Protein backbone atom coordinates (compact mmCIF):
# COMPACT_ATOMS: atom_id res chain seq x y z
CA MET A 1 16.08 -26.64 8.70
CA ASN A 2 13.04 -24.85 7.61
CA ALA A 3 9.98 -26.87 6.56
CA LEU A 4 9.02 -26.29 3.29
CA LYS A 5 6.08 -24.45 2.50
CA LYS A 6 2.98 -25.10 0.28
CA ALA A 7 1.66 -22.67 -2.31
CA CYS A 8 -1.62 -21.81 -4.72
CA PHE A 9 -0.32 -20.69 -8.02
CA LEU A 10 -2.69 -18.64 -9.89
CA ASP A 11 -3.05 -17.46 -13.27
CA ARG A 12 -3.86 -13.62 -13.31
CA ASP A 13 -6.41 -12.74 -16.30
CA GLY A 14 -9.34 -14.68 -16.30
CA VAL A 15 -8.78 -16.00 -12.62
CA LEU A 16 -7.94 -13.17 -10.25
CA ILE A 17 -9.08 -10.32 -12.68
CA GLU A 18 -11.37 -10.17 -15.73
CA ASP A 19 -9.75 -10.75 -18.86
CA ARG A 20 -9.18 -7.74 -21.23
CA ASN A 21 -6.81 -9.07 -23.85
CA TYR A 22 -3.39 -7.40 -23.44
CA LEU A 23 -4.66 -5.26 -20.47
CA SER A 24 -2.51 -2.51 -19.99
CA ASP A 25 -4.30 0.31 -18.22
CA PRO A 26 -4.80 0.12 -14.66
CA ALA A 27 -8.19 1.81 -14.98
CA ASP A 28 -9.80 -1.46 -16.46
CA VAL A 29 -8.74 -3.76 -13.70
CA ARG A 30 -11.73 -5.43 -12.18
CA LEU A 31 -11.60 -8.45 -9.81
CA CYS A 32 -13.17 -11.96 -10.82
CA PRO A 33 -15.99 -12.21 -8.31
CA HIS A 34 -15.26 -14.23 -5.38
CA VAL A 35 -11.56 -13.52 -5.53
CA PRO A 36 -10.90 -11.70 -2.19
CA GLU A 37 -12.95 -14.70 -0.15
CA ALA A 38 -11.03 -17.36 -2.17
CA LEU A 39 -7.51 -16.07 -1.47
CA ARG A 40 -8.63 -15.50 2.06
CA LEU A 41 -9.60 -19.50 2.37
CA LEU A 42 -6.34 -20.48 0.37
CA ARG A 43 -4.45 -18.22 3.26
CA GLU A 44 -6.61 -19.66 6.13
CA HIS A 45 -5.52 -22.93 4.99
CA GLY A 46 -1.46 -21.82 5.15
CA PHE A 47 -0.90 -21.37 1.33
CA LEU A 48 1.36 -18.97 0.04
CA LEU A 49 -0.15 -17.05 -2.76
CA ILE A 50 1.73 -16.60 -6.27
CA VAL A 51 0.72 -15.36 -9.46
CA VAL A 52 2.08 -16.71 -12.56
CA SER A 53 1.07 -15.08 -15.88
CA ASN A 54 2.03 -15.24 -19.19
CA GLN A 55 2.12 -11.94 -20.66
CA SER A 56 3.46 -12.14 -24.30
CA GLY A 57 2.03 -8.44 -24.71
CA ILE A 58 5.61 -7.01 -23.78
CA ALA A 59 7.18 -9.16 -26.52
CA ARG A 60 4.48 -8.56 -28.97
CA GLY A 61 5.01 -4.81 -28.34
CA TYR A 62 1.49 -4.06 -27.15
CA PHE A 63 2.35 -2.44 -23.69
CA THR A 64 5.72 -1.96 -21.82
CA VAL A 65 7.02 -3.68 -18.53
CA GLU A 66 6.09 -0.27 -16.88
CA ASP A 67 2.48 -0.64 -17.79
CA LEU A 68 2.23 -4.18 -16.49
CA ARG A 69 4.00 -2.91 -13.11
CA ARG A 70 0.64 -0.17 -13.15
CA VAL A 71 -1.51 -3.21 -13.58
CA GLU A 72 -0.24 -5.05 -11.13
CA ALA A 73 -0.01 -2.05 -8.49
CA ARG A 74 -3.76 -1.73 -9.27
CA ILE A 75 -4.34 -5.38 -8.55
CA ALA A 76 -2.59 -5.58 -5.51
CA GLY A 77 -4.42 -2.35 -4.14
CA LEU A 78 -7.71 -3.83 -4.70
CA LEU A 79 -6.89 -6.86 -2.81
CA ALA A 80 -5.34 -5.15 -0.26
CA GLU A 81 -8.63 -3.24 0.44
CA GLN A 82 -10.37 -6.56 0.84
CA GLY A 83 -7.16 -7.50 3.50
CA VAL A 84 -5.37 -10.09 1.03
CA LEU A 85 -1.81 -9.64 0.05
CA LEU A 86 0.01 -11.72 -2.57
CA ASP A 87 3.37 -13.40 -1.95
CA ASP A 88 4.77 -13.00 -5.38
CA VAL A 89 4.01 -12.54 -8.91
CA PHE A 90 6.03 -14.15 -11.67
CA TYR A 91 5.56 -12.98 -15.35
CA CYS A 92 6.68 -14.52 -18.65
CA PHE A 93 7.08 -12.06 -21.12
CA HIS A 94 8.49 -14.13 -23.80
CA HIS A 95 6.92 -14.91 -27.13
CA VAL A 96 8.61 -16.52 -30.17
CA LYS A 97 6.72 -14.24 -32.66
CA GLY A 98 7.37 -11.29 -30.53
CA VAL A 99 8.77 -7.98 -32.09
CA VAL A 100 10.81 -6.77 -28.81
CA PRO A 101 13.96 -8.79 -29.83
CA GLU A 102 15.18 -9.31 -26.01
CA TYR A 103 11.53 -11.04 -25.62
CA ALA A 104 11.05 -12.65 -29.10
CA VAL A 105 12.61 -15.92 -27.83
CA GLU A 106 11.73 -19.65 -26.84
CA CYS A 107 11.82 -19.86 -23.09
CA THR A 108 11.55 -22.15 -20.18
CA CYS A 109 9.18 -20.02 -18.40
CA ARG A 110 6.12 -19.56 -20.63
CA LYS A 111 3.12 -21.76 -19.59
CA PRO A 112 2.33 -24.80 -20.28
CA LYS A 113 6.44 -25.05 -19.27
CA PRO A 114 6.67 -25.00 -15.75
CA GLY A 115 9.58 -22.46 -15.23
CA MET A 116 7.86 -19.64 -13.29
CA LEU A 117 6.41 -22.39 -10.85
CA LEU A 118 9.94 -23.73 -10.54
CA GLU A 119 11.30 -20.19 -9.87
CA ALA A 120 8.98 -19.39 -7.37
CA ALA A 121 9.51 -22.91 -5.60
CA ARG A 122 13.27 -22.13 -5.33
CA LYS A 123 12.97 -18.58 -4.19
CA HIS A 124 10.17 -19.45 -1.43
CA GLY A 125 11.01 -23.02 -0.40
CA ILE A 126 7.73 -24.24 -1.44
CA ASP A 127 6.88 -27.95 -1.82
CA LEU A 128 5.24 -28.65 -4.73
CA LYS A 129 3.92 -31.93 -4.28
CA GLU A 130 1.66 -30.00 -1.59
CA SER A 131 0.90 -27.36 -3.68
CA LEU A 132 -1.94 -26.35 -6.18
CA MET A 133 -2.47 -24.33 -9.45
CA ILE A 134 -5.70 -22.62 -10.41
CA GLY A 135 -6.09 -21.33 -14.00
CA ASP A 136 -8.31 -20.76 -16.72
CA LYS A 137 -6.61 -22.30 -19.65
CA VAL A 138 -5.22 -25.88 -20.07
CA SER A 139 -1.86 -24.61 -20.39
CA ASP A 140 -2.07 -23.40 -16.90
CA ILE A 141 -3.23 -27.02 -15.64
CA GLU A 142 -0.17 -28.30 -17.64
CA ALA A 143 2.43 -26.03 -16.13
CA GLY A 144 1.01 -27.19 -12.77
CA PHE A 145 1.35 -30.81 -13.27
CA ALA A 146 4.48 -30.51 -15.05
CA ALA A 147 5.81 -28.42 -11.98
CA GLY A 148 4.80 -31.37 -9.87
CA CYS A 149 1.56 -29.62 -7.87
CA ARG A 150 -0.40 -32.11 -6.26
CA ALA A 151 -3.78 -30.54 -7.85
CA ALA A 152 -4.79 -28.04 -10.24
CA ALA A 153 -8.47 -26.50 -11.23
CA LEU A 154 -9.67 -24.70 -14.30
CA VAL A 155 -11.86 -21.90 -13.68
CA ARG A 156 -14.52 -21.59 -16.55
CA SER A 157 -14.01 -17.68 -16.30
CA GLY A 158 -12.17 -16.10 -18.72
CA HIS A 159 -11.00 -18.64 -21.45
CA GLY A 160 -12.00 -21.44 -19.27
CA ALA A 161 -15.28 -21.60 -20.77
CA GLU A 162 -13.57 -22.86 -24.41
CA GLN A 163 -11.37 -25.22 -22.85
CA ASP A 164 -11.17 -29.04 -23.32
CA LEU A 165 -10.12 -30.47 -20.06
CA SER A 166 -10.33 -33.98 -21.14
CA ALA A 167 -6.22 -34.54 -21.19
CA PHE A 168 -6.46 -33.73 -17.69
CA PRO A 169 -9.35 -35.72 -15.68
CA GLN A 170 -7.48 -35.40 -12.75
CA ALA A 171 -8.13 -31.59 -12.78
CA ALA A 172 -11.01 -30.18 -10.73
CA ASP A 173 -13.63 -28.43 -13.13
CA SER A 174 -15.37 -25.00 -11.38
CA PRO A 175 -17.32 -22.31 -12.48
CA ASP A 176 -15.26 -19.57 -10.53
CA ILE A 177 -12.36 -19.43 -8.47
CA LEU A 178 -13.95 -19.86 -5.00
CA SER A 179 -15.69 -23.02 -6.10
CA ALA A 180 -12.33 -24.20 -7.43
CA VAL A 181 -10.64 -23.56 -4.16
CA ARG A 182 -13.39 -25.36 -2.27
CA LYS A 183 -12.83 -28.52 -4.77
CA LEU A 184 -9.02 -28.37 -4.38
CA LEU A 185 -9.38 -28.12 -0.49
CA THR A 186 -11.36 -31.35 -0.18
CA LEU A 187 -8.94 -33.00 -2.18
CA SER A 188 -6.56 -32.54 0.87
């Protein structure tokens, strides 16, 4: 039997890339500071790198799945130029107030619910008790802990600057992803 793997689950907007509110144009993709270094450090410590991102712009009709795939390809290309590859990407397209009927539903994958993390764990054989979550919203932190991750960090980039982390005092509070990774690795 294969040993379970550990993963670092990463929100996309405001953590890996600058938050552009409903980003649909690959030309607007900019990596946040220190992202390649942070991801390499996680990889060196044996973590899978898995993005889990709410993308309700699809349900709201602001952009299409194809637009999202082009943005995803741009992110992957920028990271590859820095020698970093992501292991997988999970998106939630749903929002109950959406205008695209197939996505205008209540779901189990939209953070703060843990559905994307649980799906990734099943797909990749991940031990959630050994895994981490890094996000820029309290809903990211909540999803990580709801899935059973051992630790989580809120970065103050993106929406993180305005988030109240008091409900999760066990979560690391960090100015950026590299600081978050360093804090989380010292908790091991």
